[in-house]
């Protein structure tokens, strides 16, 4: 069972807002919420919610480091670029 399916089984949900995600906890226990805050778990959930996450992250990093954009601008432009391909 996927992490997202487990969250939904407990009345929660994860909503994608552009490249960010919002957790609606539902009936998740405090232990479950603490587990979901671990960086590796957050990354796994994020990838389930938005499969293009890896492409977006790579494009944002290239725009920031090679293109000289600040992080916020790099993320916005990378999002536009990825969504234009979908």
C-alpha atoms as a PDB file:
ATOM      1  CA  UNK A   1       0.000   0.000   0.000  1.00  0.00           C
ATOM      2  CA  UNK A   2       1.384   3.416  -0.924  1.00  0.00           C
ATOM      3  CA  UNK A   3       1.979   6.098   1.675  1.00  0.00           C
ATOM      4  CA  UNK A   4      -0.690   8.251   0.050  1.00  0.00           C
ATOM      5  CA  UNK A   5      -3.190   5.377   0.250  1.00  0.00           C
ATOM      6  CA  UNK A   6      -2.406   4.974   3.965  1.00  0.00           C
ATOM      7  CA  UNK A   7      -2.957   8.684   4.574  1.00  0.00           C
ATOM      8  CA  UNK A   8      -6.289   8.535   2.750  1.00  0.00           C
ATOM      9  CA  UNK A   9      -7.330   5.396   4.656  1.00  0.00           C
ATOM     10  CA  UNK A  10      -7.122   7.498   7.829  1.00  0.00           C
ATOM     11  CA  UNK A  11      -9.254  10.308   6.429  1.00  0.00           C
ATOM     12  CA  UNK A  12      -6.301  12.479   5.413  1.00  0.00           C
ATOM     13  CA  UNK A  13      -5.156  13.707   2.058  1.00  0.00           C
ATOM     14  CA  UNK A  14      -2.228  15.387   0.360  1.00  0.00           C
ATOM     15  CA  UNK A  15      -3.040  18.197  -2.025  1.00  0.00           C
ATOM     16  CA  UNK A  16      -0.569  19.499  -4.603  1.00  0.00           C
ATOM     17  CA  UNK A  17      -0.368  23.266  -4.924  1.00  0.00           C
ATOM     18  CA  UNK A  18       1.901  23.789  -7.922  1.00  0.00           C
ATOM     19  CA  UNK A  19       5.171  22.159  -6.726  1.00  0.00           C
ATOM     20  CA  UNK A  20       4.291  22.346  -3.036  1.00  0.00           C
ATOM     21  CA  UNK A  21       2.148  19.913  -1.090  1.00  0.00           C
ATOM     22  CA  UNK A  22      -0.346  20.424   1.702  1.00  0.00           C
ATOM     23  CA  UNK A  23      -1.173  17.691   4.206  1.00  0.00           C
ATOM     24  CA  UNK A  24      -4.723  17.418   5.480  1.00  0.00           C
ATOM     25  CA  UNK A  25      -4.172  15.108   8.465  1.00  0.00           C
ATOM     26  CA  UNK A  26      -7.648  13.681   8.968  1.00  0.00           C
ATOM     27  CA  UNK A  27      -7.428  11.101  11.779  1.00  0.00           C
ATOM     28  CA  UNK A  28      -3.677  10.494  11.540  1.00  0.00           C
ATOM     29  CA  UNK A  29      -2.098   9.876  14.930  1.00  0.00           C
ATOM     30  CA  UNK A  30       0.610  12.145  16.334  1.00  0.00           C
ATOM     31  CA  UNK A  31       3.134   9.343  15.687  1.00  0.00           C
ATOM     32  CA  UNK A  32       2.036   9.086  12.055  1.00  0.00           C
ATOM     33  CA  UNK A  33       2.311  12.852  11.635  1.00  0.00           C
ATOM     34  CA  UNK A  34       5.809  12.806  13.140  1.00  0.00           C
ATOM     35  CA  UNK A  35       6.787  10.008  10.727  1.00  0.00           C
ATOM     36  CA  UNK A  36       5.438  11.991   7.775  1.00  0.00           C
ATOM     37  CA  UNK A  37       7.680  14.929   8.720  1.00  0.00           C
ATOM     38  CA  UNK A  38      10.843  12.896   8.099  1.00  0.00           C
ATOM     39  CA  UNK A  39      12.566  14.280   4.984  1.00  0.00           C
ATOM     40  CA  UNK A  40      12.794  10.910   3.239  1.00  0.00           C
ATOM     41  CA  UNK A  41       9.098  10.194   3.856  1.00  0.00           C
ATOM     42  CA  UNK A  42       8.053  13.683   2.736  1.00  0.00           C
ATOM     43  CA  UNK A  43      10.069  13.183  -0.452  1.00  0.00           C
ATOM     44  CA  UNK A  44       8.392   9.834  -1.112  1.00  0.00           C
ATOM     45  CA  UNK A  45       4.903  11.288  -0.575  1.00  0.00           C
ATOM     46  CA  UNK A  46       5.736  14.294  -2.719  1.00  0.00           C
ATOM     47  CA  UNK A  47       6.881  12.001  -5.539  1.00  0.00           C
ATOM     48  CA  UNK A  48       3.630  10.009  -5.274  1.00  0.00           C
ATOM     49  CA  UNK A  49       1.525  13.160  -5.427  1.00  0.00           C
ATOM     50  CA  UNK A  50       3.499  14.716  -8.299  1.00  0.00           C
ATOM     51  CA  UNK A  51       5.491  12.252 -10.426  1.00  0.00           C
ATOM     52  CA  UNK A  52       7.263  15.132 -12.226  1.00  0.00           C
ATOM     53  CA  UNK A  53       8.927  16.204  -8.962  1.00  0.00           C
ATOM     54  CA  UNK A  54      12.360  14.898  -9.974  1.00  0.00           C
ATOM     55  CA  UNK A  55      12.289  16.727 -13.304  1.00  0.00           C
ATOM     56  CA  UNK A  56      11.121  19.924 -11.618  1.00  0.00           C
ATOM     57  CA  UNK A  57      13.807  19.726  -8.942  1.00  0.00           C
ATOM     58  CA  UNK A  58      16.523  19.207 -11.553  1.00  0.00           C
ATOM     59  CA  UNK A  59      15.282  22.084 -13.720  1.00  0.00           C
ATOM     60  CA  UNK A  60      15.026  24.417 -10.699  1.00  0.00           C
ATOM     61  CA  UNK A  61      18.588  23.557  -9.622  1.00  0.00           C
ATOM     62  CA  UNK A  62      19.945  24.176 -13.121  1.00  0.00           C
ATOM     63  CA  UNK A  63      18.146  27.515 -13.317  1.00  0.00           C
ATOM     64  CA  UNK A  64      19.443  28.529  -9.891  1.00  0.00           C
ATOM     65  CA  UNK A  65      23.068  27.419 -10.121  1.00  0.00           C
ATOM     66  CA  UNK A  66      23.844  27.634 -13.835  1.00  0.00           C
ATOM     67  CA  UNK A  67      21.316  30.312 -14.741  1.00  0.00           C
ATOM     68  CA  UNK A  68      21.913  32.573 -11.741  1.00  0.00           C
ATOM     69  CA  UNK A  69      18.242  32.865 -10.777  1.00  0.00           C
ATOM     70  CA  UNK A  70      17.264  33.196  -7.132  1.00  0.00           C
ATOM     71  CA  UNK A  71      15.660  30.030  -5.714  1.00  0.00           C
ATOM     72  CA  UNK A  72      12.068  31.312  -5.791  1.00  0.00           C
ATOM     73  CA  UNK A  73      12.311  32.419  -9.430  1.00  0.00           C
ATOM     74  CA  UNK A  74      14.060  29.182 -10.396  1.00  0.00           C
ATOM     75  CA  UNK A  75      11.264  27.117  -8.819  1.00  0.00           C
ATOM     76  CA  UNK A  76       8.518  29.157 -10.520  1.00  0.00           C
ATOM     77  CA  UNK A  77      10.131  28.997 -13.945  1.00  0.00           C
ATOM     78  CA  UNK A  78      10.937  25.307 -13.617  1.00  0.00           C
ATOM     79  CA  UNK A  79       7.296  24.651 -12.721  1.00  0.00           C
ATOM     80  CA  UNK A  80       6.102  26.530 -15.809  1.00  0.00           C
ATOM     81  CA  UNK A  81       8.568  24.627 -17.971  1.00  0.00           C
ATOM     82  CA  UNK A  82       7.541  21.203 -16.606  1.00  0.00           C
ATOM     83  CA  UNK A  83       3.815  21.943 -16.881  1.00  0.00           C
ATOM     84  CA  UNK A  84       4.228  23.147 -20.472  1.00  0.00           C
ATOM     85  CA  UNK A  85       5.514  19.665 -21.332  1.00  0.00           C
ATOM     86  CA  UNK A  86       2.588  17.830 -19.685  1.00  0.00           C
END
